[in-house]
Structures are given as structure tokens and as C-alpha cells.
Amino acid sequence: MEEKPNVDSWLELLDQLMMRRIDFVIVGGAAMALHGLPRATLDLDIYLPSTRSAITELFQALVEQTGLVTGQMSILGLLDKCDLLYGQWITFSIPNGPDLIDVFLENPDNYGLLKSNANAIELREKQVRIASIEQLRVMKQDCGRPIDLADVALLDELVKNIEN
């Protein structure tokens, strides 16, 4: 019998990341929701700098501590060449279940820019960073999927309401 993961919510995933002091920025639908937009999403999307320490800590937190699984364990074999991982997504899921978290590995310089422009919010008495409205807008526009373009319209409406 497969063991049940030791995680029941996004907050528990974020707790694991924060407990290990993993540097990340929340993006996607979860970031939109944290900005106050009514956006349902099934998974949590984060950006992480593509460094040996960040990736190692990520796998320890999500696989070893929570029991999530990924089909991308081979990434650990490239830790000496983290630059080859720029732009790669890693998906972690419940065994035989849904995806819970998608992690985008970013060039550390680009990640630093994303982080410096992100908004800091308090979540469970800890500070987390979420992509700014403008950053989300650019990311969503660049994706170009219908759902992302609908999100751009929501973000534009939010900005208009804030300005008024």
C-alpha cells in the first residue's frame, strides 16, 4: 500500500519551503488569488533560482518531507550544471493523484529581478513573495493561452480599480 503524502494543502507545502528557507516567488493563479482576484487554480506555481542548494532543498522538502513524487528525479543528476536547467519546470504530485506544485527553475540573475519586484505578504506569520501584478500580467501575456489572456483582463481591471 502506498503511503499518503504528509501534506494536505498549499499552506503546508509553503510551510515546508519556508521552514527550509528556500527562496521562491509565488506566481500564476495562486499569486492572482493572493492579490485578491477570484481565480481558481488546481496547483501552486513558484519560481526558484536554479542553484544546487535551492534544488537540493526543494527535493528534500517536497519528496522526503511531504512524500510528494515527481517524474523528474533525473534533474538531481545535473546539479553541477544548473545552467542547463534554466527554464525547466518540475512538477510534484500526490502519488497516483493530482499535481500540487509546479516549480520553474530560473536563471539566478533573472530570478533576482523577479524577487526584487515581487510583493511581500505575510502568510502564517511568515513573509512570502508573490509576483507583482505587472509581473503576472507579463507572464500571462507571454503564455498566451485563453485562460492566461482572461487573467490579463482581470489584472487590467484590478489595476484600473486600484487607480480609481
Foldseek 3Di string as FASTA:
>chain_A
DDDWWQDDDPLLLVVLCVVLPFAKAWADQVLCVVVPDPGDDQATEIEHEQALVNVVSNCCSQCVRGVWDWPPPCVNVCNVPSVVQAQPKTWTGTVVDDTHYIYHHHHVVVVVVQQVQWDWDADPNDIHTYGDLVRNLVVLVVVVDPVSVVVNVVSVVVVVVVVD
